[in-house]
Amino acid sequence: MNQLKYAIEYSIALAETFEDINYDEIEDSLSNLLISSKGPRKYEKPTDTF
């Protein structure tokens, strides 16, 4: 979760105004991150279906 939070906050910090924030670009960049799931040593992408 820390990596996701950092990536979002960093992307927002780069924008000069709130209108400059490109939410689609942030979403696309995060769609390939691996996150841990409830299973032991199991990682999934946010786009994986359950």
PDB file of N, CA and C in Angstrom:
ATOM      1  N   MET A   1       0.821  -1.187   0.000  1.00  0.00           N
ATOM      2  CA  MET A   1       0.000   0.000   0.000  1.00  0.00           C
ATOM      3  C   MET A   1       0.865   1.250   0.000  1.00  0.00           C
ATOM      4  N   ASN A   2       2.002   1.218   0.650  1.00  0.00           N
ATOM      5  CA  ASN A   2       2.860   2.396   0.686  1.00  0.00           C
ATOM      6  C   ASN A   2       3.328   2.791  -0.703  1.00  0.00           C
ATOM      7  N   GLN A   3       3.634   1.816  -1.550  1.00  0.00           N
ATOM      8  CA  GLN A   3       4.097   2.125  -2.892  1.00  0.00           C
ATOM      9  C   GLN A   3       2.984   2.782  -3.710  1.00  0.00           C
ATOM     10  N   LEU A   4       1.771   2.298  -3.576  1.00  0.00           N
ATOM     11  CA  LEU A   4       0.643   2.905  -4.266  1.00  0.00           C
ATOM     12  C   LEU A   4       0.423   4.337  -3.799  1.00  0.00           C
ATOM     13  N   LYS A   5       0.447   4.537  -2.503  1.00  0.00           N
ATOM     14  CA  LYS A   5       0.238   5.872  -1.937  1.00  0.00           C
ATOM     15  C   LYS A   5       1.329   6.829  -2.402  1.00  0.00           C
ATOM     16  N   TYR A   6       2.563   6.377  -2.400  1.00  0.00           N
ATOM     17  CA  TYR A   6       3.665   7.219  -2.828  1.00  0.00           C
ATOM     18  C   TYR A   6       3.511   7.597  -4.302  1.00  0.00           C
ATOM     19  N   ALA A   7       3.168   6.635  -5.147  1.00  0.00           N
ATOM     20  CA  ALA A   7       3.033   6.888  -6.577  1.00  0.00           C
ATOM     21  C   ALA A   7       1.924   7.903  -6.853  1.00  0.00           C
ATOM     22  N   ILE A   8       0.822   7.796  -6.144  1.00  0.00           N
ATOM     23  CA  ILE A   8      -0.282   8.739  -6.320  1.00  0.00           C
ATOM     24  C   ILE A   8       0.122  10.125  -5.843  1.00  0.00           C
ATOM     25  N   GLU A   9       0.689  10.205  -4.668  1.00  0.00           N
ATOM     26  CA  GLU A   9       1.078  11.503  -4.119  1.00  0.00           C
ATOM     27  C   GLU A   9       2.154  12.164  -4.981  1.00  0.00           C
ATOM     28  N   TYR A  10       3.084  11.391  -5.497  1.00  0.00           N
ATOM     29  CA  TYR A  10       4.138  11.947  -6.344  1.00  0.00           C
ATOM     30  C   TYR A  10       3.551  12.519  -7.633  1.00  0.00           C
ATOM     31  N   SER A  11       2.637  11.783  -8.252  1.00  0.00           N
ATOM     32  CA  SER A  11       2.008  12.256  -9.481  1.00  0.00           C
ATOM     33  C   SER A  11       1.230  13.542  -9.252  1.00  0.00           C
ATOM     34  N   ILE A  12       0.557  13.639  -8.125  1.00  0.00           N
ATOM     35  CA  ILE A  12      -0.204  14.845  -7.810  1.00  0.00           C
ATOM     36  C   ILE A  12       0.729  16.005  -7.490  1.00  0.00           C
ATOM     37  N   ALA A  13       1.838  15.724  -6.839  1.00  0.00           N
ATOM     38  CA  ALA A  13       2.784  16.785  -6.481  1.00  0.00           C
ATOM     39  C   ALA A  13       3.432  17.414  -7.712  1.00  0.00           C
ATOM     40  N   LEU A  14       3.547  16.668  -8.797  1.00  0.00           N
ATOM     41  CA  LEU A  14       4.137  17.202 -10.016  1.00  0.00           C
ATOM     42  C   LEU A  14       3.241  18.217 -10.710  1.00  0.00           C
ATOM     43  N   ALA A  15       1.947  18.134 -10.472  1.00  0.00           N
ATOM     44  CA  ALA A  15       1.008  19.052 -11.117  1.00  0.00           C
ATOM     45  C   ALA A  15       1.078  20.424 -10.444  1.00  0.00           C
ATOM     46  N   GLU A  16       1.006  21.452 -11.262  1.00  0.00           N
ATOM     47  CA  GLU A  16       1.067  22.805 -10.723  1.00  0.00           C
ATOM     48  C   GLU A  16      -0.265  23.249 -10.132  1.00  0.00           C
ATOM     49  N   THR A  17      -1.370  22.794 -10.726  1.00  0.00           N
ATOM     50  CA  THR A  17      -2.707  23.110 -10.201  1.00  0.00           C
ATOM     51  C   THR A  17      -3.527  21.827 -10.167  1.00  0.00           C
ATOM     52  N   PHE A  18      -4.650  21.876  -9.497  1.00  0.00           N
ATOM     53  CA  PHE A  18      -5.516  20.698  -9.429  1.00  0.00           C
ATOM     54  C   PHE A  18      -6.063  20.338 -10.806  1.00  0.00           C
ATOM     55  N   GLU A  19      -6.254  21.329 -11.652  1.00  0.00           N
ATOM     56  CA  GLU A  19      -6.763  21.069 -12.995  1.00  0.00           C
ATOM     57  C   GLU A  19      -5.747  20.344 -13.868  1.00  0.00           C
ATOM     58  N   ASP A  20      -4.462  20.451 -13.519  1.00  0.00           N
ATOM     59  CA  ASP A  20      -3.404  19.809 -14.292  1.00  0.00           C
ATOM     60  C   ASP A  20      -3.234  18.325 -13.964  1.00  0.00           C
ATOM     61  N   ILE A  21      -3.897  17.838 -12.950  1.00  0.00           N
ATOM     62  CA  ILE A  21      -3.753  16.435 -12.556  1.00  0.00           C
ATOM     63  C   ILE A  21      -4.447  15.559 -13.600  1.00  0.00           C
ATOM     64  N   ASN A  22      -3.709  14.637 -14.160  1.00  0.00           N
ATOM     65  CA  ASN A  22      -4.248  13.714 -15.163  1.00  0.00           C
ATOM     66  C   ASN A  22      -4.533  12.381 -14.462  1.00  0.00           C
ATOM     67  N   TYR A  23      -5.764  12.205 -14.046  1.00  0.00           N
ATOM     68  CA  TYR A  23      -6.137  11.007 -13.293  1.00  0.00           C
ATOM     69  C   TYR A  23      -6.051   9.745 -14.132  1.00  0.00           C
ATOM     70  N   ASP A  24      -6.337   9.865 -15.428  1.00  0.00           N
ATOM     71  CA  ASP A  24      -6.232   8.697 -16.304  1.00  0.00           C
ATOM     72  C   ASP A  24      -4.790   8.207 -16.406  1.00  0.00           C
ATOM     73  N   GLU A  25      -3.855   9.135 -16.476  1.00  0.00           N
ATOM     74  CA  GLU A  25      -2.442   8.769 -16.538  1.00  0.00           C
ATOM     75  C   GLU A  25      -1.993   8.090 -15.240  1.00  0.00           C
ATOM     76  N   ILE A  26      -2.457   8.596 -14.113  1.00  0.00           N
ATOM     77  CA  ILE A  26      -2.120   7.979 -12.821  1.00  0.00           C
ATOM     78  C   ILE A  26      -2.686   6.566 -12.759  1.00  0.00           C
ATOM     79  N   GLU A  27      -3.937   6.418 -13.167  1.00  0.00           N
ATOM     80  CA  GLU A  27      -4.570   5.105 -13.143  1.00  0.00           C
ATOM     81  C   GLU A  27      -3.842   4.122 -14.053  1.00  0.00           C
ATOM     82  N   ASP A  28      -3.465   4.562 -15.243  1.00  0.00           N
ATOM     83  CA  ASP A  28      -2.747   3.691 -16.170  1.00  0.00           C
ATOM     84  C   ASP A  28      -1.393   3.266 -15.612  1.00  0.00           C
ATOM     85  N   SER A  29      -0.694   4.184 -14.982  1.00  0.00           N
ATOM     86  CA  SER A  29       0.624   3.851 -14.448  1.00  0.00           C
ATOM     87  C   SER A  29       0.538   2.888 -13.268  1.00  0.00           C
ATOM     88  N   LEU A  30      -0.552   2.942 -12.526  1.00  0.00           N
ATOM     89  CA  LEU A  30      -0.701   2.062 -11.368  1.00  0.00           C
ATOM     90  C   LEU A  30      -1.268   0.687 -11.729  1.00  0.00           C
ATOM     91  N   SER A  31      -1.800   0.557 -12.921  1.00  0.00           N
ATOM     92  CA  SER A  31      -2.446  -0.703 -13.288  1.00  0.00           C
ATOM     93  C   SER A  31      -1.457  -1.854 -13.422  1.00  0.00           C
ATOM     94  N   ASN A  32      -0.171  -1.581 -13.554  1.00  0.00           N
ATOM     95  CA  ASN A  32       0.831  -2.641 -13.695  1.00  0.00           C
ATOM     96  C   ASN A  32       1.611  -2.916 -12.417  1.00  0.00           C
ATOM     97  N   LEU A  33       1.310  -2.212 -11.338  1.00  0.00           N
ATOM     98  CA  LEU A  33       2.008  -2.471 -10.082  1.00  0.00           C
ATOM     99  C   LEU A  33       1.529  -3.779  -9.462  1.00  0.00           C
ATOM    100  N   LEU A  34       2.426  -4.485  -8.858  1.00  0.00           N
ATOM    101  CA  LEU A  34       2.044  -5.699  -8.138  1.00  0.00           C
ATOM    102  C   LEU A  34       1.736  -5.342  -6.699  1.00  0.00           C
ATOM    103  N   ILE A  35       0.633  -5.857  -6.201  1.00  0.00           N
ATOM    104  CA  ILE A  35       0.260  -5.646  -4.806  1.00  0.00           C
ATOM    105  C   ILE A  35       0.048  -7.007  -4.161  1.00  0.00           C
ATOM    106  N   SER A  36       0.246  -7.070  -2.867  1.00  0.00           N
ATOM    107  CA  SER A  36       0.074  -8.350  -2.181  1.00  0.00           C
ATOM    108  C   SER A  36      -1.397  -8.609  -1.946  1.00  0.00           C
ATOM    109  N   SER A  37      -1.742  -9.867  -1.981  1.00  0.00           N
ATOM    110  CA  SER A  37      -3.125 -10.264  -1.722  1.00  0.00           C
ATOM    111  C   SER A  37      -3.187 -10.964  -0.378  1.00  0.00           C
ATOM    112  N   LYS A  38      -4.329 -11.504  -0.064  1.00  0.00           N
ATOM    113  CA  LYS A  38      -4.520 -12.138   1.240  1.00  0.00           C
ATOM    114  C   LYS A  38      -3.770 -13.453   1.377  1.00  0.00           C
ATOM    115  N   GLY A  39      -3.445 -14.080   0.271  1.00  0.00           N
ATOM    116  CA  GLY A  39      -2.726 -15.348   0.322  1.00  0.00           C
ATOM    117  C   GLY A  39      -1.254 -15.134   0.634  1.00  0.00           C
ATOM    118  N   PRO A  40      -0.603 -16.142   1.184  1.00  0.00           N
ATOM    119  CA  PRO A  40       0.824 -16.006   1.489  1.00  0.00           C
ATOM    120  C   PRO A  40       1.655 -15.936   0.202  1.00  0.00           C
ATOM    121  N   ARG A  41       2.518 -14.933   0.130  1.00  0.00           N
ATOM    122  CA  ARG A  41       3.431 -14.736  -0.992  1.00  0.00           C
ATOM    123  C   ARG A  41       2.717 -14.704  -2.336  1.00  0.00           C
ATOM    124  N   LYS A  42       1.531 -14.164  -2.364  1.00  0.00           N
ATOM    125  CA  LYS A  42       0.780 -14.066  -3.609  1.00  0.00           C
ATOM    126  C   LYS A  42       0.639 -12.591  -3.962  1.00  0.00           C
ATOM    127  N   TYR A  43       0.986 -12.257  -5.181  1.00  0.00           N
ATOM    128  CA  TYR A  43       0.920 -10.877  -5.645  1.00  0.00           C
ATOM    129  C   TYR A  43       0.025 -10.799  -6.869  1.00  0.00           C
ATOM    130  N   GLU A  44      -0.719  -9.712  -6.955  1.00  0.00           N
ATOM    131  CA  GLU A  44      -1.625  -9.514  -8.071  1.00  0.00           C
ATOM    132  C   GLU A  44      -1.536  -8.088  -8.573  1.00  0.00           C
ATOM    133  N   LYS A  45      -1.971  -7.875  -9.784  1.00  0.00           N
ATOM    134  CA  LYS A  45      -2.091  -6.531 -10.326  1.00  0.00           C
ATOM    135  C   LYS A  45      -3.484  -6.001  -9.972  1.00  0.00           C
ATOM    136  N   PRO A  46      -3.645  -4.700  -9.843  1.00  0.00           N
ATOM    137  CA  PRO A  46      -4.961  -4.150  -9.539  1.00  0.00           C
ATOM    138  C   PRO A  46      -5.995  -4.469 -10.614  1.00  0.00           C
ATOM    139  N   THR A  47      -5.549  -4.775 -11.824  1.00  0.00           N
ATOM    140  CA  THR A  47      -6.483  -5.066 -12.913  1.00  0.00           C
ATOM    141  C   THR A  47      -6.892  -6.530 -12.973  1.00  0.00           C
ATOM    142  N   ASP A  48      -6.269  -7.393 -12.165  1.00  0.00           N
ATOM    143  CA  ASP A  48      -6.648  -8.808 -12.156  1.00  0.00           C
ATOM    144  C   ASP A  48      -8.055  -8.950 -11.595  1.00  0.00           C
ATOM    145  N   THR A  49      -8.826  -9.817 -12.217  1.00  0.00           N
ATOM    146  CA  THR A  49     -10.196 -10.048 -11.753  1.00  0.00           C
ATOM    147  C   THR A  49     -10.198 -11.118 -10.679  1.00  0.00           C
ATOM    148  N   PHE A  50     -11.152 -11.044  -9.825  1.00  0.00           N
ATOM    149  CA  PHE A  50     -11.249 -11.998  -8.712  1.00  0.00           C
ATOM    150  C   PHE A  50     -12.271 -13.036  -8.989  1.00  0.00           C
TER     151      PHE A  50
END
